[in-house]
Amino acid sequence: MSAIALQALPSGTGAAKRLAARLDSGSGLGCDEIALHRFPDGELRVTVAPAADTTILFAPLDQPNDKLIALLFAAEALRRDGARRLVLVAPYLCYMRQDIAFHPGEAISQRAVGRLLATLVARVVTVDAHLHRTSEIRSVFPDIEAENLSAMPAIADALAADGIDPATVVIGPDAESEPWVSDLASRLRLQHTVARKRRHGDRSVEIDFADPTLLAGRPALMVDDIVSSGTTLMVAARALRAMATTAVDAVVTHALFPAAMATAFTAAGIRSIRSTDSVPHPTNAIALDEVLAAALRSELGTTRSRETTR
């Protein structure tokens, strides 16, 4: 049995192969695609490649329901084939937004999914997890190793390489965005501000800015961790254009919105929108290869000697 291997769900195969190439330093690390077959009644059959002592599972968890079942089955097959340590790399980690029961009878999805994944793997690596009242990712996975990496270094490098107007103001859509917005602005040596957002529903928000004079006559770069419905982004863009910004661009870690929404974004005044490749999407422009590789290099070279309790 080999010391380490990487296997990916089909939607993540391209990114996983790039990651394997970046990690491979003579270890022969490749990337196998996990085969999924759907029966007529909707059930899945999952077939994995031969297990390694340490097996990295690469799975962007957008559209997550079938993928969670696939991971459950893949983990069963790999354990039975002799894998001693399973590491889940989920650049986008699903079901994190529901961290409390907002109404009687609601399930706390973050807790349920965290417990499920903690029974399957020894380590979870994700990027910009959508945590609200949860202080850190280890609270979601208290009994296993877990890291919540930042996409901001990769985003800053990509923006700097493309060239960015030094007058640009980096914009966060709400108070929760302050940590990554200030980080990105610092890396690019730009000013930043955070909007005040009041949410009335999934597709109804109000946005305003404490200091409109900061934005007039300057380009704006909106930064968000997740764009799903796109409502926040479009409302913010309209508010920025009303304050006479010269251009509005957007960059997001996780692009979960339908590709057809590009027309609506343009109509709202957004000149361009770029995303990382945490999930496959037409707006992907920023690779997370090095961010993920840096976190996973600890798995190389120690796999033959590491003992695991799982």
C-alpha atoms as a PDB file:
ATOM      1  CA  MET A   1       0.000   0.000   0.000  1.00  0.00           C
ATOM      2  CA  SER A   2       1.304   3.460  -0.903  1.00  0.00           C
ATOM      3  CA  ALA A   3       1.913   6.016   1.840  1.00  0.00           C
ATOM      4  CA  ILE A   4      -0.359   8.754   0.490  1.00  0.00           C
ATOM      5  CA  ALA A   5      -2.921   9.245  -2.263  1.00  0.00           C
ATOM      6  CA  LEU A   6      -5.413  11.850  -3.372  1.00  0.00           C
ATOM      7  CA  GLN A   7      -8.899  11.022  -4.615  1.00  0.00           C
ATOM      8  CA  ALA A   8     -11.523  13.515  -5.755  1.00  0.00           C
ATOM      9  CA  LEU A   9     -15.224  13.686  -6.353  1.00  0.00           C
ATOM     10  CA  PRO A  10     -15.872  14.343 -10.060  1.00  0.00           C
ATOM     11  CA  SER A  11     -16.642  18.063  -9.713  1.00  0.00           C
ATOM     12  CA  GLY A  12     -13.280  18.643  -8.056  1.00  0.00           C
ATOM     13  CA  THR A  13     -11.027  16.551 -10.274  1.00  0.00           C
ATOM     14  CA  GLY A  14      -9.445  19.428 -12.190  1.00  0.00           C
ATOM     15  CA  ALA A  15      -8.485  21.405  -9.090  1.00  0.00           C
ATOM     16  CA  ALA A  16      -7.392  18.232  -7.299  1.00  0.00           C
ATOM     17  CA  LYS A  17      -5.021  17.285 -10.120  1.00  0.00           C
ATOM     18  CA  ARG A  18      -3.387  20.712  -9.959  1.00  0.00           C
ATOM     19  CA  LEU A  19      -3.080  20.359  -6.201  1.00  0.00           C
ATOM     20  CA  ALA A  20      -1.488  16.923  -6.546  1.00  0.00           C
ATOM     21  CA  ALA A  21       1.037  18.270  -9.051  1.00  0.00           C
ATOM     22  CA  ARG A  22       1.943  21.097  -6.668  1.00  0.00           C
ATOM     23  CA  LEU A  23       2.317  18.733  -3.721  1.00  0.00           C
ATOM     24  CA  ASP A  24       4.249  16.026  -5.547  1.00  0.00           C
ATOM     25  CA  SER A  25       7.912  16.277  -4.633  1.00  0.00           C
ATOM     26  CA  GLY A  26       9.020  12.862  -5.716  1.00  0.00           C
ATOM     27  CA  SER A  27       6.364  11.065  -3.693  1.00  0.00           C
ATOM     28  CA  GLY A  28       4.511   9.965  -6.813  1.00  0.00           C
ATOM     29  CA  LEU A  29       1.302  11.580  -5.595  1.00  0.00           C
ATOM     30  CA  GLY A  30      -1.332  11.446  -8.279  1.00  0.00           C
ATOM     31  CA  CYS A  31      -5.062  12.016  -8.311  1.00  0.00           C
ATOM     32  CA  ASP A  32      -7.802   9.457  -8.915  1.00  0.00           C
ATOM     33  CA  GLU A  33     -11.412  10.346  -9.591  1.00  0.00           C
ATOM     34  CA  ILE A  34     -14.034   8.685  -7.413  1.00  0.00           C
ATOM     35  CA  ALA A  35     -16.598   7.066  -9.697  1.00  0.00           C
ATOM     36  CA  LEU A  36     -20.277   7.812  -9.066  1.00  0.00           C
ATOM     37  CA  HIS A  37     -23.139   5.876 -10.623  1.00  0.00           C
ATOM     38  CA  ARG A  38     -26.767   6.857 -10.129  1.00  0.00           C
ATOM     39  CA  PHE A  39     -29.392   4.117 -10.166  1.00  0.00           C
ATOM     40  CA  PRO A  40     -32.816   4.858 -11.701  1.00  0.00           C
ATOM     41  CA  ASP A  41     -34.316   5.406  -8.239  1.00  0.00           C
ATOM     42  CA  GLY A  42     -31.691   8.033  -7.389  1.00  0.00           C
ATOM     43  CA  GLU A  43     -29.450   5.947  -5.145  1.00  0.00           C
ATOM     44  CA  LEU A  44     -25.682   6.198  -5.644  1.00  0.00           C
ATOM     45  CA  ARG A  45     -22.996   3.612  -6.165  1.00  0.00           C
ATOM     46  CA  VAL A  46     -19.537   4.889  -5.220  1.00  0.00           C
ATOM     47  CA  THR A  47     -16.288   3.276  -6.362  1.00  0.00           C
ATOM     48  CA  VAL A  48     -12.901   4.430  -5.085  1.00  0.00           C
ATOM     49  CA  ALA A  49      -9.355   3.756  -6.258  1.00  0.00           C
ATOM     50  CA  PRO A  50      -7.055   1.643  -4.062  1.00  0.00           C
ATOM     51  CA  ALA A  51      -6.562   3.141  -0.626  1.00  0.00           C
ATOM     52  CA  ALA A  52      -3.308   4.573   0.689  1.00  0.00           C
ATOM     53  CA  ASP A  53      -2.224   4.709   4.313  1.00  0.00           C
ATOM     54  CA  THR A  54      -3.176   8.410   4.221  1.00  0.00           C
ATOM     55  CA  THR A  55      -5.844   9.262   1.647  1.00  0.00           C
ATOM     56  CA  ILE A  56      -6.783  12.871   0.894  1.00  0.00           C
ATOM     57  CA  LEU A  57     -10.384  13.297  -0.257  1.00  0.00           C
ATOM     58  CA  PHE A  58     -10.936  16.416  -2.379  1.00  0.00           C
ATOM     59  CA  ALA A  59     -14.554  17.545  -2.486  1.00  0.00           C
ATOM     60  CA  PRO A  60     -15.947  21.034  -3.181  1.00  0.00           C
ATOM     61  CA  LEU A  61     -19.221  20.773  -1.240  1.00  0.00           C
ATOM     62  CA  ASP A  62     -21.492  23.030  -3.265  1.00  0.00           C
ATOM     63  CA  GLN A  63     -24.771  21.312  -4.208  1.00  0.00           C
ATOM     64  CA  PRO A  64     -23.911  19.173  -1.207  1.00  0.00           C
ATOM     65  CA  ASN A  65     -26.563  16.561  -0.560  1.00  0.00           C
ATOM     66  CA  ASP A  66     -25.400  13.857  -2.976  1.00  0.00           C
ATOM     67  CA  LYS A  67     -21.765  14.722  -2.226  1.00  0.00           C
ATOM     68  CA  LEU A  68     -22.178  14.090   1.493  1.00  0.00           C
ATOM     69  CA  ILE A  69     -23.590  10.643   0.753  1.00  0.00           C
ATOM     70  CA  ALA A  70     -20.746  10.021  -1.708  1.00  0.00           C
ATOM     71  CA  LEU A  71     -18.184  10.933   0.975  1.00  0.00           C
ATOM     72  CA  LEU A  72     -19.886   8.622   3.458  1.00  0.00           C
ATOM     73  CA  PHE A  73     -19.660   5.727   1.009  1.00  0.00           C
ATOM     74  CA  ALA A  74     -16.120   6.582  -0.116  1.00  0.00           C
ATOM     75  CA  ALA A  75     -14.896   6.664   3.479  1.00  0.00           C
ATOM     76  CA  GLU A  76     -16.436   3.257   4.126  1.00  0.00           C
ATOM     77  CA  ALA A  77     -14.724   1.748   1.078  1.00  0.00           C
ATOM     78  CA  LEU A  78     -11.339   3.324   1.840  1.00  0.00           C
ATOM     79  CA  ARG A  79     -11.347   2.254   5.493  1.00  0.00           C
ATOM     80  CA  ARG A  80     -12.246  -1.289   4.491  1.00  0.00           C
ATOM     81  CA  ASP A  81      -9.381  -1.238   1.986  1.00  0.00           C
ATOM     82  CA  GLY A  82      -6.886  -0.304   4.697  1.00  0.00           C
ATOM     83  CA  ALA A  83      -6.748   3.513   4.811  1.00  0.00           C
ATOM     84  CA  ARG A  84      -5.636   4.554   8.290  1.00  0.00           C
ATOM     85  CA  ARG A  85      -5.988   8.351   7.922  1.00  0.00           C
ATOM     86  CA  LEU A  86      -8.526  10.222   5.837  1.00  0.00           C
ATOM     87  CA  VAL A  87      -8.123  13.951   5.210  1.00  0.00           C
ATOM     88  CA  LEU A  88     -11.031  15.908   3.730  1.00  0.00           C
ATOM     89  CA  VAL A  89     -10.160  18.934   1.614  1.00  0.00           C
ATOM     90  CA  ALA A  90     -13.419  20.824   1.094  1.00  0.00           C
ATOM     91  CA  PRO A  91     -12.509  24.251  -0.347  1.00  0.00           C
ATOM     92  CA  TYR A  92     -16.172  25.142   0.117  1.00  0.00           C
ATOM     93  CA  LEU A  93     -17.738  23.661   3.252  1.00  0.00           C
ATOM     94  CA  CYS A  94     -21.514  23.315   3.133  1.00  0.00           C
ATOM     95  CA  TYR A  95     -24.247  23.838   5.747  1.00  0.00           C
ATOM     96  CA  MET A  96     -22.276  26.248   7.930  1.00  0.00           C
ATOM     97  CA  ARG A  97     -24.785  29.156   7.869  1.00  0.00           C
ATOM     98  CA  GLN A  98     -27.376  27.513  10.169  1.00  0.00           C
ATOM     99  CA  ASP A  99     -25.418  27.568  13.433  1.00  0.00           C
ATOM    100  CA  ILE A 100     -28.404  28.095  15.737  1.00  0.00           C
ATOM    101  CA  ALA A 101     -32.115  27.305  15.584  1.00  0.00           C
ATOM    102  CA  PHE A 102     -33.672  30.617  14.563  1.00  0.00           C
ATOM    103  CA  HIS A 103     -37.198  29.230  14.948  1.00  0.00           C
ATOM    104  CA  PRO A 104     -38.670  26.359  16.978  1.00  0.00           C
ATOM    105  CA  GLY A 105     -38.143  22.982  15.361  1.00  0.00           C
ATOM    106  CA  GLU A 106     -35.287  24.019  13.054  1.00  0.00           C
ATOM    107  CA  ALA A 107     -32.314  21.711  12.699  1.00  0.00           C
ATOM    108  CA  ILE A 108     -28.853  23.149  13.375  1.00  0.00           C
ATOM    109  CA  SER A 109     -27.227  22.035  10.140  1.00  0.00           C
ATOM    110  CA  GLN A 110     -23.725  23.148  11.107  1.00  0.00           C
ATOM    111  CA  ARG A 111     -23.770  20.853  14.128  1.00  0.00           C
ATOM    112  CA  ALA A 112     -25.250  17.895  12.251  1.00  0.00           C
ATOM    113  CA  VAL A 113     -22.864  18.084   9.291  1.00  0.00           C
ATOM    114  CA  GLY A 114     -19.880  18.723  11.564  1.00  0.00           C
ATOM    115  CA  ARG A 115     -20.639  15.588  13.552  1.00  0.00           C
ATOM    116  CA  LEU A 116     -21.144  13.529  10.393  1.00  0.00           C
ATOM    117  CA  LEU A 117     -17.844  14.560   8.822  1.00  0.00           C
ATOM    118  CA  ALA A 118     -15.995  14.080  12.123  1.00  0.00           C
ATOM    119  CA  THR A 119     -17.005  10.402  12.074  1.00  0.00           C
ATOM    120  CA  LEU A 120     -15.570   9.978   8.568  1.00  0.00           C
ATOM    121  CA  VAL A 121     -12.192  11.747   8.580  1.00  0.00           C
ATOM    122  CA  ALA A 122      -9.320  12.687  10.877  1.00  0.00           C
ATOM    123  CA  ARG A 123      -8.791  16.171   9.460  1.00  0.00           C
ATOM    124  CA  VAL A 124     -10.825  18.798   7.583  1.00  0.00           C
ATOM    125  CA  VAL A 125      -9.232  21.574   5.530  1.00  0.00           C
ATOM    126  CA  THR A 126     -11.505  24.301   4.161  1.00  0.00           C
ATOM    127  CA  VAL A 127     -11.328  27.919   2.973  1.00  0.00           C
ATOM    128  CA  ASP A 128     -13.285  30.925   4.292  1.00  0.00           C
ATOM    129  CA  ALA A 129     -15.948  28.820   5.978  1.00  0.00           C
ATOM    130  CA  HIS A 130     -19.183  30.759   6.405  1.00  0.00           C
ATOM    131  CA  LEU A 131     -19.083  31.034  10.211  1.00  0.00           C
ATOM    132  CA  HIS A 132     -21.278  33.573  11.982  1.00  0.00           C
ATOM    133  CA  ARG A 133     -21.613  33.089  15.734  1.00  0.00           C
ATOM    134  CA  THR A 134     -19.121  30.189  15.681  1.00  0.00           C
ATOM    135  CA  SER A 135     -15.752  31.550  16.767  1.00  0.00           C
ATOM    136  CA  GLU A 136     -13.550  29.060  14.900  1.00  0.00           C
ATOM    137  CA  ILE A 137     -13.697  25.946  12.772  1.00  0.00           C
ATOM    138  CA  ARG A 138     -12.519  23.713  15.616  1.00  0.00           C
ATOM    139  CA  SER A 139     -15.826  24.384  17.333  1.00  0.00           C
ATOM    140  CA  VAL A 140     -17.537  22.660  14.397  1.00  0.00           C
ATOM    141  CA  PHE A 141     -15.148  19.699  14.564  1.00  0.00           C
ATOM    142  CA  PRO A 142     -14.068  19.532  18.234  1.00  0.00           C
ATOM    143  CA  ASP A 143     -12.719  15.986  18.127  1.00  0.00           C
ATOM    144  CA  ILE A 144     -10.610  16.113  14.945  1.00  0.00           C
ATOM    145  CA  GLU A 145      -8.053  18.392  13.283  1.00  0.00           C
ATOM    146  CA  ALA A 146      -9.592  21.276  11.348  1.00  0.00           C
ATOM    147  CA  GLU A 147      -8.269  24.365   9.560  1.00  0.00           C
ATOM    148  CA  ASN A 148     -10.177  27.270   8.060  1.00  0.00           C
ATOM    149  CA  LEU A 149      -7.749  28.809   5.569  1.00  0.00           C
ATOM    150  CA  SER A 150      -8.000  32.319   4.160  1.00  0.00           C
ATOM    151  CA  ALA A 151      -8.339  32.956   0.439  1.00  0.00           C
ATOM    152  CA  MET A 152      -7.120  36.528   0.858  1.00  0.00           C
ATOM    153  CA  PRO A 153      -3.419  35.810   0.129  1.00  0.00           C
ATOM    154  CA  ALA A 154      -4.338  34.182  -3.193  1.00  0.00           C
ATOM    155  CA  ILE A 155      -6.840  36.933  -4.035  1.00  0.00           C
ATOM    156  CA  ALA A 156      -4.339  39.679  -3.184  1.00  0.00           C
ATOM    157  CA  ASP A 157      -1.625  38.074  -5.329  1.00  0.00           C
ATOM    158  CA  ALA A 158      -3.989  37.737  -8.288  1.00  0.00           C
ATOM    159  CA  LEU A 159      -5.239  41.320  -8.037  1.00  0.00           C
ATOM    160  CA  ALA A 160      -1.725  42.703  -7.648  1.00  0.00           C
ATOM    161  CA  ALA A 161      -0.548  40.725 -10.668  1.00  0.00           C
ATOM    162  CA  ASP A 162      -3.401  42.108 -12.780  1.00  0.00           C
ATOM    163  CA  GLY A 163      -2.785  45.647 -11.541  1.00  0.00           C
ATOM    164  CA  ILE A 164      -5.178  47.615  -9.379  1.00  0.00           C
ATOM    165  CA  ASP A 165      -5.832  51.365  -9.171  1.00  0.00           C
ATOM    166  CA  PRO A 166      -4.260  52.640  -5.911  1.00  0.00           C
ATOM    167  CA  ALA A 167      -7.344  54.828  -5.380  1.00  0.00           C
ATOM    168  CA  THR A 168      -9.558  51.749  -5.084  1.00  0.00           C
ATOM    169  CA  VAL A 169     -11.577  51.353  -1.899  1.00  0.00           C
ATOM    170  CA  VAL A 170     -12.127  47.767  -0.737  1.00  0.00           C
ATOM    171  CA  ILE A 171     -15.747  47.287   0.339  1.00  0.00           C
ATOM    172  CA  GLY A 172     -17.236  44.731   2.716  1.00  0.00           C
ATOM    173  CA  PRO A 173     -21.005  44.095   2.542  1.00  0.00           C
ATOM    174  CA  ASP A 174     -21.532  43.835   6.320  1.00  0.00           C
ATOM    175  CA  ALA A 175     -19.776  43.835   9.683  1.00  0.00           C
ATOM    176  CA  GLU A 176     -18.976  40.121   9.432  1.00  0.00           C
ATOM    177  CA  SER A 177     -16.779  40.815   6.401  1.00  0.00           C
ATOM    178  CA  GLU A 178     -14.431  43.152   8.300  1.00  0.00           C
ATOM    179  CA  PRO A 179     -11.658  40.595   9.015  1.00  0.00           C
ATOM    180  CA  TRP A 180     -11.092  39.496   5.414  1.00  0.00           C
ATOM    181  CA  VAL A 181     -11.790  42.923   3.897  1.00  0.00           C
ATOM    182  CA  SER A 182      -9.225  44.598   6.158  1.00  0.00           C
ATOM    183  CA  ASP A 183      -6.758  41.785   5.468  1.00  0.00           C
ATOM    184  CA  LEU A 184      -7.099  42.153   1.688  1.00  0.00           C
ATOM    185  CA  ALA A 185      -6.917  45.953   1.847  1.00  0.00           C
ATOM    186  CA  SER A 186      -3.781  45.769   3.982  1.00  0.00           C
ATOM    187  CA  ARG A 187      -2.103  43.369   1.554  1.00  0.00           C
ATOM    188  CA  LEU A 188      -2.893  45.696  -1.363  1.00  0.00           C
ATOM    189  CA  ARG A 189      -2.226  48.907   0.610  1.00  0.00           C
ATOM    190  CA  LEU A 190      -5.708  50.231  -0.083  1.00  0.00           C
ATOM    191  CA  GLN A 191      -8.353  51.930   2.015  1.00  0.00           C
ATOM    192  CA  HIS A 192     -11.391  49.931   3.034  1.00  0.00           C
ATOM    193  CA  THR A 193     -14.830  50.364   4.553  1.00  0.00           C
ATOM    194  CA  VAL A 194     -17.683  48.081   5.557  1.00  0.00           C
ATOM    195  CA  ALA A 195     -21.349  48.615   4.714  1.00  0.00           C
ATOM    196  CA  ARG A 196     -24.237  48.463   7.133  1.00  0.00           C
ATOM    197  CA  LYS A 197     -26.611  45.696   6.063  1.00  0.00           C
ATOM    198  CA  ARG A 198     -30.116  44.949   7.268  1.00  0.00           C
ATOM    199  CA  ARG A 199     -31.490  41.656   6.001  1.00  0.00           C
ATOM    200  CA  HIS A 200     -35.259  41.206   5.705  1.00  0.00           C
ATOM    201  CA  GLY A 201     -35.177  37.829   3.935  1.00  0.00           C
ATOM    202  CA  ASP A 202     -33.112  35.644   1.589  1.00  0.00           C
ATOM    203  CA  ARG A 203     -33.607  38.126  -1.268  1.00  0.00           C
ATOM    204  CA  SER A 204     -34.348  41.375   0.584  1.00  0.00           C
ATOM    205  CA  VAL A 205     -31.601  43.517   2.101  1.00  0.00           C
ATOM    206  CA  GLU A 206     -30.901  47.198   2.736  1.00  0.00           C
ATOM    207  CA  ILE A 207     -27.367  48.591   2.543  1.00  0.00           C
ATOM    208  CA  ASP A 208     -25.845  51.961   3.314  1.00  0.00           C
ATOM    209  CA  PHE A 209     -22.416  53.384   4.093  1.00  0.00           C
ATOM    210  CA  ALA A 210     -21.335  55.459   7.076  1.00  0.00           C
ATOM    211  CA  ASP A 211     -18.994  57.689   5.008  1.00  0.00           C
ATOM    212  CA  PRO A 212     -20.226  58.165   1.427  1.00  0.00           C
ATOM    213  CA  THR A 213     -17.621  60.880   0.816  1.00  0.00           C
ATOM    214  CA  LEU A 214     -14.883  58.254   0.985  1.00  0.00           C
ATOM    215  CA  LEU A 215     -16.282  56.573  -2.134  1.00  0.00           C
ATOM    216  CA  ALA A 216     -17.201  59.400  -4.489  1.00  0.00           C
ATOM    217  CA  GLY A 217     -15.001  59.570  -7.576  1.00  0.00           C
ATOM    218  CA  ARG A 218     -13.082  56.392  -6.731  1.00  0.00           C
ATOM    219  CA  PRO A 219     -13.243  52.763  -7.923  1.00  0.00           C
ATOM    220  CA  ALA A 220     -14.790  50.250  -5.518  1.00  0.00           C
ATOM    221  CA  LEU A 221     -13.854  46.600  -5.062  1.00  0.00           C
ATOM    222  CA  MET A 222     -16.526  44.584  -3.255  1.00  0.00           C
ATOM    223  CA  VAL A 223     -15.284  41.514  -1.386  1.00  0.00           C
ATOM    224  CA  ASP A 224     -17.456  38.712  -0.001  1.00  0.00           C
ATOM    225  CA  ASP A 225     -16.966  35.154   1.129  1.00  0.00           C
ATOM    226  CA  ILE A 226     -20.077  33.692  -0.510  1.00  0.00           C
ATOM    227  CA  VAL A 227     -22.393  34.914  -3.253  1.00  0.00           C
ATOM    228  CA  SER A 228     -25.465  32.712  -3.567  1.00  0.00           C
ATOM    229  CA  SER A 229     -28.602  34.676  -4.437  1.00  0.00           C
ATOM    230  CA  GLY A 230     -26.512  37.718  -5.417  1.00  0.00           C
ATOM    231  CA  THR A 231     -28.958  40.124  -3.748  1.00  0.00           C
ATOM    232  CA  THR A 232     -26.438  41.686  -1.367  1.00  0.00           C
ATOM    233  CA  LEU A 233     -23.927  42.239  -4.146  1.00  0.00           C
ATOM    234  CA  MET A 234     -26.442  43.919  -6.446  1.00  0.00           C
ATOM    235  CA  VAL A 235     -27.959  46.152  -3.745  1.00  0.00           C
ATOM    236  CA  ALA A 236     -24.464  47.221  -2.658  1.00  0.00           C
ATOM    237  CA  ALA A 237     -23.432  47.920  -6.263  1.00  0.00           C
ATOM    238  CA  ARG A 238     -26.458  50.149  -6.840  1.00  0.00           C
ATOM    239  CA  ALA A 239     -25.713  52.046  -3.631  1.00  0.00           C
ATOM    240  CA  LEU A 240     -22.082  52.519  -4.675  1.00  0.00           C
ATOM    241  CA  ARG A 241     -22.967  53.762  -8.144  1.00  0.00           C
ATOM    242  CA  ALA A 242     -25.461  56.195  -6.595  1.00  0.00           C
ATOM    243  CA  MET A 243     -22.533  57.615  -4.606  1.00  0.00           C
ATOM    244  CA  ALA A 244     -20.646  58.300  -7.862  1.00  0.00           C
ATOM    245  CA  THR A 245     -17.995  55.611  -7.649  1.00  0.00           C
ATOM    246  CA  THR A 246     -16.166  55.422 -10.963  1.00  0.00           C
ATOM    247  CA  ALA A 247     -16.394  51.619 -11.242  1.00  0.00           C
ATOM    248  CA  VAL A 248     -17.587  48.669  -9.174  1.00  0.00           C
ATOM    249  CA  ASP A 249     -15.849  45.304  -9.347  1.00  0.00           C
ATOM    250  CA  ALA A 250     -16.379  42.261  -7.145  1.00  0.00           C
ATOM    251  CA  VAL A 251     -14.296  39.353  -5.941  1.00  0.00           C
ATOM    252  CA  VAL A 252     -15.653  36.413  -3.936  1.00  0.00           C
ATOM    253  CA  THR A 253     -14.239  33.252  -2.450  1.00  0.00           C
ATOM    254  CA  HIS A 254     -17.230  31.004  -3.162  1.00  0.00           C
ATOM    255  CA  ALA A 255     -19.354  31.626  -6.270  1.00  0.00           C
ATOM    256  CA  LEU A 256     -22.581  29.685  -5.712  1.00  0.00           C
ATOM    257  CA  PHE A 257     -24.861  31.779  -7.914  1.00  0.00           C
ATOM    258  CA  PRO A 258     -26.209  30.606 -11.294  1.00  0.00           C
ATOM    259  CA  ALA A 259     -23.964  31.631 -14.175  1.00  0.00           C
ATOM    260  CA  ALA A 260     -26.960  33.248 -15.884  1.00  0.00           C
ATOM    261  CA  MET A 261     -26.972  35.931 -13.177  1.00  0.00           C
ATOM    262  CA  ALA A 262     -24.048  37.660 -14.886  1.00  0.00           C
ATOM    263  CA  THR A 263     -26.536  39.769 -16.836  1.00  0.00           C
ATOM    264  CA  ALA A 264     -28.262  40.920 -13.650  1.00  0.00           C
ATOM    265  CA  PHE A 265     -24.915  41.819 -12.077  1.00  0.00           C
ATOM    266  CA  THR A 266     -24.017  43.929 -15.084  1.00  0.00           C
ATOM    267  CA  ALA A 267     -27.393  45.663 -14.962  1.00  0.00           C
ATOM    268  CA  ALA A 268     -26.772  46.473 -11.282  1.00  0.00           C
ATOM    269  CA  GLY A 269     -23.548  48.246 -12.232  1.00  0.00           C
ATOM    270  CA  ILE A 270     -20.954  45.560 -11.509  1.00  0.00           C
ATOM    271  CA  ARG A 271     -18.214  45.786 -14.109  1.00  0.00           C
ATOM    272  CA  SER A 272     -16.590  42.425 -13.330  1.00  0.00           C
ATOM    273  CA  ILE A 273     -16.883  39.591 -10.848  1.00  0.00           C
ATOM    274  CA  ARG A 274     -14.086  37.124 -10.115  1.00  0.00           C
ATOM    275  CA  SER A 275     -14.072  34.113  -7.832  1.00  0.00           C
ATOM    276  CA  THR A 276     -11.623  31.564  -6.503  1.00  0.00           C
ATOM    277  CA  ASP A 277     -11.829  28.008  -7.768  1.00  0.00           C
ATOM    278  CA  SER A 278     -13.247  26.711  -4.467  1.00  0.00           C
ATOM    279  CA  VAL A 279     -16.203  25.520  -6.558  1.00  0.00           C
ATOM    280  CA  PRO A 280     -16.206  25.172 -10.351  1.00  0.00           C
ATOM    281  CA  HIS A 281     -17.814  28.291 -11.847  1.00  0.00           C
ATOM    282  CA  PRO A 282     -17.486  30.421 -15.014  1.00  0.00           C
ATOM    283  CA  THR A 283     -16.161  33.317 -12.885  1.00  0.00           C
ATOM    284  CA  ASN A 284     -13.214  31.304 -11.534  1.00  0.00           C
ATOM    285  CA  ALA A 285     -10.102  33.436 -11.935  1.00  0.00           C
ATOM    286  CA  ILE A 286      -8.090  32.806  -8.759  1.00  0.00           C
ATOM    287  CA  ALA A 287      -6.534  29.431  -7.977  1.00  0.00           C
ATOM    288  CA  LEU A 288      -6.317  28.179  -4.394  1.00  0.00           C
ATOM    289  CA  ASP A 289      -3.627  25.615  -5.271  1.00  0.00           C
ATOM    290  CA  GLU A 290      -0.860  27.109  -3.146  1.00  0.00           C
ATOM    291  CA  VAL A 291      -3.114  28.004  -0.203  1.00  0.00           C
ATOM    292  CA  LEU A 292      -4.243  24.375   0.013  1.00  0.00           C
ATOM    293  CA  ALA A 293      -0.831  22.898  -0.762  1.00  0.00           C
ATOM    294  CA  ALA A 294       0.799  24.868   2.054  1.00  0.00           C
ATOM    295  CA  ALA A 295      -1.657  23.356   4.537  1.00  0.00           C
ATOM    296  CA  LEU A 296      -1.291  19.828   3.200  1.00  0.00           C
ATOM    297  CA  ARG A 297       2.489  19.569   2.981  1.00  0.00           C
ATOM    298  CA  SER A 298       2.501  18.347   6.566  1.00  0.00           C
ATOM    299  CA  GLU A 299       0.838  15.160   5.295  1.00  0.00           C
ATOM    300  CA  LEU A 300       3.817  14.400   3.058  1.00  0.00           C
ATOM    301  CA  GLY A 301       6.854  12.652   4.442  1.00  0.00           C
ATOM    302  CA  THR A 302       5.222  11.762   7.743  1.00  0.00           C
ATOM    303  CA  THR A 303       2.537   9.386   6.553  1.00  0.00           C
ATOM    304  CA  ARG A 304       4.573   6.224   7.086  1.00  0.00           C
ATOM    305  CA  SER A 305       5.291   6.994  10.720  1.00  0.00           C
ATOM    306  CA  ARG A 306       2.138   8.834  11.864  1.00  0.00           C
ATOM    307  CA  GLU A 307      -0.183   6.862  14.074  1.00  0.00           C
ATOM    308  CA  THR A 308      -3.891   7.574  13.969  1.00  0.00           C
ATOM    309  CA  THR A 309      -6.729   6.661  16.241  1.00  0.00           C
ATOM    310  CA  ARG A 310      -9.267   6.508  13.437  1.00  0.00           C
END
